[in-house]
Amino acid sequence: MKTSSKITKKRKNGFLSRMKSHKGKTIIQQRRKKKRNKLTKI
């Protein structure tokens, strides 16, 4: 939840669109990795 709020704040501040898209992709990849790790542990 905290990460999503930070992204919205950065969008409001008007950061570079490239930076926004890149950071969003990296966060999505991290979430996918966490899900995979949970499946492997079980």
PDB file of N, CA and C in Angstrom:
ATOM      1  N   MET A   1       0.837  -1.202   0.000  1.00  0.00           N
ATOM      2  CA  MET A   1       0.000   0.000   0.000  1.00  0.00           C
ATOM      3  C   MET A   1       0.879   1.262   0.000  1.00  0.00           C
ATOM      4  N   LYS A   2       1.946   1.257   0.821  1.00  0.00           N
ATOM      5  CA  LYS A   2       2.805   2.440   0.906  1.00  0.00           C
ATOM      6  C   LYS A   2       3.467   2.735  -0.447  1.00  0.00           C
ATOM      7  N   THR A   3       3.919   1.683  -1.158  1.00  0.00           N
ATOM      8  CA  THR A   3       4.597   1.901  -2.434  1.00  0.00           C
ATOM      9  C   THR A   3       3.647   2.558  -3.436  1.00  0.00           C
ATOM     10  N   SER A   4       2.377   2.106  -3.469  1.00  0.00           N
ATOM     11  CA  SER A   4       1.420   2.667  -4.434  1.00  0.00           C
ATOM     12  C   SER A   4       1.174   4.147  -4.132  1.00  0.00           C
ATOM     13  N   SER A   5       1.080   4.494  -2.843  1.00  0.00           N
ATOM     14  CA  SER A   5       0.830   5.905  -2.495  1.00  0.00           C
ATOM     15  C   SER A   5       2.007   6.767  -2.935  1.00  0.00           C
ATOM     16  N   LYS A   6       3.236   6.244  -2.794  1.00  0.00           N
ATOM     17  CA  LYS A   6       4.414   7.013  -3.214  1.00  0.00           C
ATOM     18  C   LYS A   6       4.374   7.268  -4.722  1.00  0.00           C
ATOM     19  N   ILE A   7       3.965   6.267  -5.491  1.00  0.00           N
ATOM     20  CA  ILE A   7       3.920   6.429  -6.952  1.00  0.00           C
ATOM     21  C   ILE A   7       2.908   7.524  -7.314  1.00  0.00           C
ATOM     22  N   THR A   8       1.745   7.514  -6.664  1.00  0.00           N
ATOM     23  CA  THR A   8       0.721   8.512  -6.982  1.00  0.00           C
ATOM     24  C   THR A   8       1.238   9.904  -6.657  1.00  0.00           C
ATOM     25  N   LYS A   9       1.953  10.049  -5.544  1.00  0.00           N
ATOM     26  CA  LYS A   9       2.500  11.360  -5.178  1.00  0.00           C
ATOM     27  C   LYS A   9       3.488  11.823  -6.239  1.00  0.00           C
ATOM     28  N   LYS A  10       4.336  10.905  -6.715  1.00  0.00           N
ATOM     29  CA  LYS A  10       5.322  11.282  -7.734  1.00  0.00           C
ATOM     30  C   LYS A  10       4.623  11.722  -9.011  1.00  0.00           C
ATOM     31  N   ARG A  11       3.525  11.062  -9.372  1.00  0.00           N
ATOM     32  CA  ARG A  11       2.788  11.449 -10.582  1.00  0.00           C
ATOM     33  C   ARG A  11       2.240  12.865 -10.413  1.00  0.00           C
ATOM     34  N   LYS A  12       1.716  13.157  -9.237  1.00  0.00           N
ATOM     35  CA  LYS A  12       1.158  14.499  -8.993  1.00  0.00           C
ATOM     36  C   LYS A  12       2.271  15.544  -9.078  1.00  0.00           C
ATOM     37  N   ASN A  13       3.436  15.206  -8.546  1.00  0.00           N
ATOM     38  CA  ASN A  13       4.560  16.148  -8.583  1.00  0.00           C
ATOM     39  C   ASN A  13       5.027  16.392 -10.016  1.00  0.00           C
ATOM     40  N   GLY A  14       4.727  15.460 -10.928  1.00  0.00           N
ATOM     41  CA  GLY A  14       5.091  15.651 -12.333  1.00  0.00           C
ATOM     42  C   GLY A  14       6.502  15.175 -12.643  1.00  0.00           C
ATOM     43  N   PHE A  15       6.875  13.964 -12.160  1.00  0.00           N
ATOM     44  CA  PHE A  15       8.190  13.401 -12.503  1.00  0.00           C
ATOM     45  C   PHE A  15       8.211  13.014 -13.992  1.00  0.00           C
ATOM     46  N   LEU A  16       9.384  12.681 -14.504  1.00  0.00           N
ATOM     47  CA  LEU A  16       9.492  12.276 -15.907  1.00  0.00           C
ATOM     48  C   LEU A  16       8.663  11.019 -16.152  1.00  0.00           C
ATOM     49  N   SER A  17       7.944  10.985 -17.263  1.00  0.00           N
ATOM     50  CA  SER A  17       7.082   9.835 -17.556  1.00  0.00           C
ATOM     51  C   SER A  17       7.911   8.558 -17.659  1.00  0.00           C
ATOM     52  N   ARG A  18       9.126   8.650 -18.197  1.00  0.00           N
ATOM     53  CA  ARG A  18       9.961   7.447 -18.327  1.00  0.00           C
ATOM     54  C   ARG A  18      10.296   6.877 -16.961  1.00  0.00           C
ATOM     55  N   MET A  19      10.649   7.719 -16.023  1.00  0.00           N
ATOM     56  CA  MET A  19      10.988   7.254 -14.677  1.00  0.00           C
ATOM     57  C   MET A  19       9.781   6.577 -14.038  1.00  0.00           C
ATOM     58  N   LYS A  20       8.603   7.176 -14.207  1.00  0.00           N
ATOM     59  CA  LYS A  20       7.388   6.606 -13.610  1.00  0.00           C
ATOM     60  C   LYS A  20       7.136   5.203 -14.156  1.00  0.00           C
ATOM     61  N   SER A  21       7.161   5.063 -15.484  1.00  0.00           N
ATOM     62  CA  SER A  21       6.874   3.767 -16.095  1.00  0.00           C
ATOM     63  C   SER A  21       7.921   2.740 -15.668  1.00  0.00           C
ATOM     64  N   HIS A  22       9.194   3.134 -15.616  1.00  0.00           N
ATOM     65  CA  HIS A  22      10.254   2.189 -15.265  1.00  0.00           C
ATOM     66  C   HIS A  22      10.073   1.701 -13.827  1.00  0.00           C
ATOM     67  N   LYS A  23       9.841   2.635 -12.901  1.00  0.00           N
ATOM     68  CA  LYS A  23       9.675   2.250 -11.489  1.00  0.00           C
ATOM     69  C   LYS A  23       8.447   1.368 -11.325  1.00  0.00           C
ATOM     70  N   GLY A  24       7.366   1.682 -12.041  1.00  0.00           N
ATOM     71  CA  GLY A  24       6.149   0.867 -11.948  1.00  0.00           C
ATOM     72  C   GLY A  24       6.418  -0.562 -12.394  1.00  0.00           C
ATOM     73  N   LYS A  25       7.174  -0.720 -13.476  1.00  0.00           N
ATOM     74  CA  LYS A  25       7.499  -2.062 -13.978  1.00  0.00           C
ATOM     75  C   LYS A  25       8.335  -2.816 -12.955  1.00  0.00           C
ATOM     76  N   THR A  26       9.316  -2.164 -12.357  1.00  0.00           N
ATOM     77  CA  THR A  26      10.187  -2.845 -11.395  1.00  0.00           C
ATOM     78  C   THR A  26       9.376  -3.301 -10.189  1.00  0.00           C
ATOM     79  N   ILE A  27       8.448  -2.469  -9.728  1.00  0.00           N
ATOM     80  CA  ILE A  27       7.626  -2.851  -8.564  1.00  0.00           C
ATOM     81  C   ILE A  27       6.775  -4.065  -8.906  1.00  0.00           C
ATOM     82  N   ILE A  28       6.205  -4.102 -10.123  1.00  0.00           N
ATOM     83  CA  ILE A  28       5.377  -5.244 -10.533  1.00  0.00           C
ATOM     84  C   ILE A  28       6.234  -6.509 -10.563  1.00  0.00           C
ATOM     85  N   GLN A  29       7.468  -6.409 -11.097  1.00  0.00           N
ATOM     86  CA  GLN A  29       8.346  -7.576 -11.149  1.00  0.00           C
ATOM     87  C   GLN A  29       8.646  -8.075  -9.743  1.00  0.00           C
ATOM     88  N   GLN A  30       8.909  -7.163  -8.782  1.00  0.00           N
ATOM     89  CA  GLN A  30       9.198  -7.571  -7.414  1.00  0.00           C
ATOM     90  C   GLN A  30       8.016  -8.322  -6.814  1.00  0.00           C
ATOM     91  N   ARG A  31       6.795  -7.842  -7.053  1.00  0.00           N
ATOM     92  CA  ARG A  31       5.605  -8.511  -6.518  1.00  0.00           C
ATOM     93  C   ARG A  31       5.494  -9.917  -7.107  1.00  0.00           C
ATOM     94  N   ARG A  32       5.749 -10.073  -8.415  1.00  0.00           N
ATOM     95  CA  ARG A  32       5.673 -11.393  -9.050  1.00  0.00           C
ATOM     96  C   ARG A  32       6.699 -12.325  -8.428  1.00  0.00           C
ATOM     97  N   LYS A  33       7.922 -11.835  -8.174  1.00  0.00           N
ATOM     98  CA  LYS A  33       8.967 -12.662  -7.573  1.00  0.00           C
ATOM     99  C   LYS A  33       8.542 -13.133  -6.190  1.00  0.00           C
ATOM    100  N   LYS A  34       7.927 -12.243  -5.403  1.00  0.00           N
ATOM    101  CA  LYS A  34       7.469 -12.611  -4.057  1.00  0.00           C
ATOM    102  C   LYS A  34       6.441 -13.724  -4.138  1.00  0.00           C
ATOM    103  N   LYS A  35       5.506 -13.616  -5.071  1.00  0.00           N
ATOM    104  CA  LYS A  35       4.480 -14.648  -5.226  1.00  0.00           C
ATOM    105  C   LYS A  35       5.122 -15.984  -5.583  1.00  0.00           C
ATOM    106  N   ARG A  36       6.112 -15.974  -6.482  1.00  0.00           N
ATOM    107  CA  ARG A  36       6.791 -17.213  -6.872  1.00  0.00           C
ATOM    108  C   ARG A  36       7.494 -17.829  -5.673  1.00  0.00           C
ATOM    109  N   ASN A  37       8.155 -16.977  -4.854  1.00  0.00           N
ATOM    110  CA  ASN A  37       8.862 -17.494  -3.682  1.00  0.00           C
ATOM    111  C   ASN A  37       7.894 -18.171  -2.726  1.00  0.00           C
ATOM    112  N   LYS A  38       6.712 -17.589  -2.534  1.00  0.00           N
ATOM    113  CA  LYS A  38       5.720 -18.184  -1.630  1.00  0.00           C
ATOM    114  C   LYS A  38       5.298 -19.558  -2.149  1.00  0.00           C
ATOM    115  N   LEU A  39       5.085 -19.678  -3.459  1.00  0.00           N
ATOM    116  CA  LEU A  39       4.664 -20.958  -4.029  1.00  0.00           C
ATOM    117  C   LEU A  39       5.757 -22.009  -3.826  1.00  0.00           C
ATOM    118  N   THR A  40       7.012 -21.624  -4.001  1.00  0.00           N
ATOM    119  CA  THR A  40       8.102 -22.594  -3.870  1.00  0.00           C
ATOM    120  C   THR A  40       8.256 -23.038  -2.416  1.00  0.00           C
ATOM    121  N   LYS A  41       8.084 -22.110  -1.459  1.00  0.00           N
ATOM    122  CA  LYS A  41       8.227 -22.459  -0.037  1.00  0.00           C
ATOM    123  C   LYS A  41       7.168 -23.472   0.370  1.00  0.00           C
ATOM    124  N   ILE A  42       5.948 -23.315  -0.149  1.00  0.00           N
ATOM    125  CA  ILE A  42       4.860 -24.250   0.204  1.00  0.00           C
ATOM    126  C   ILE A  42       5.105 -25.559  -0.541  1.00  0.00           C
TER     127      ILE A  42
END
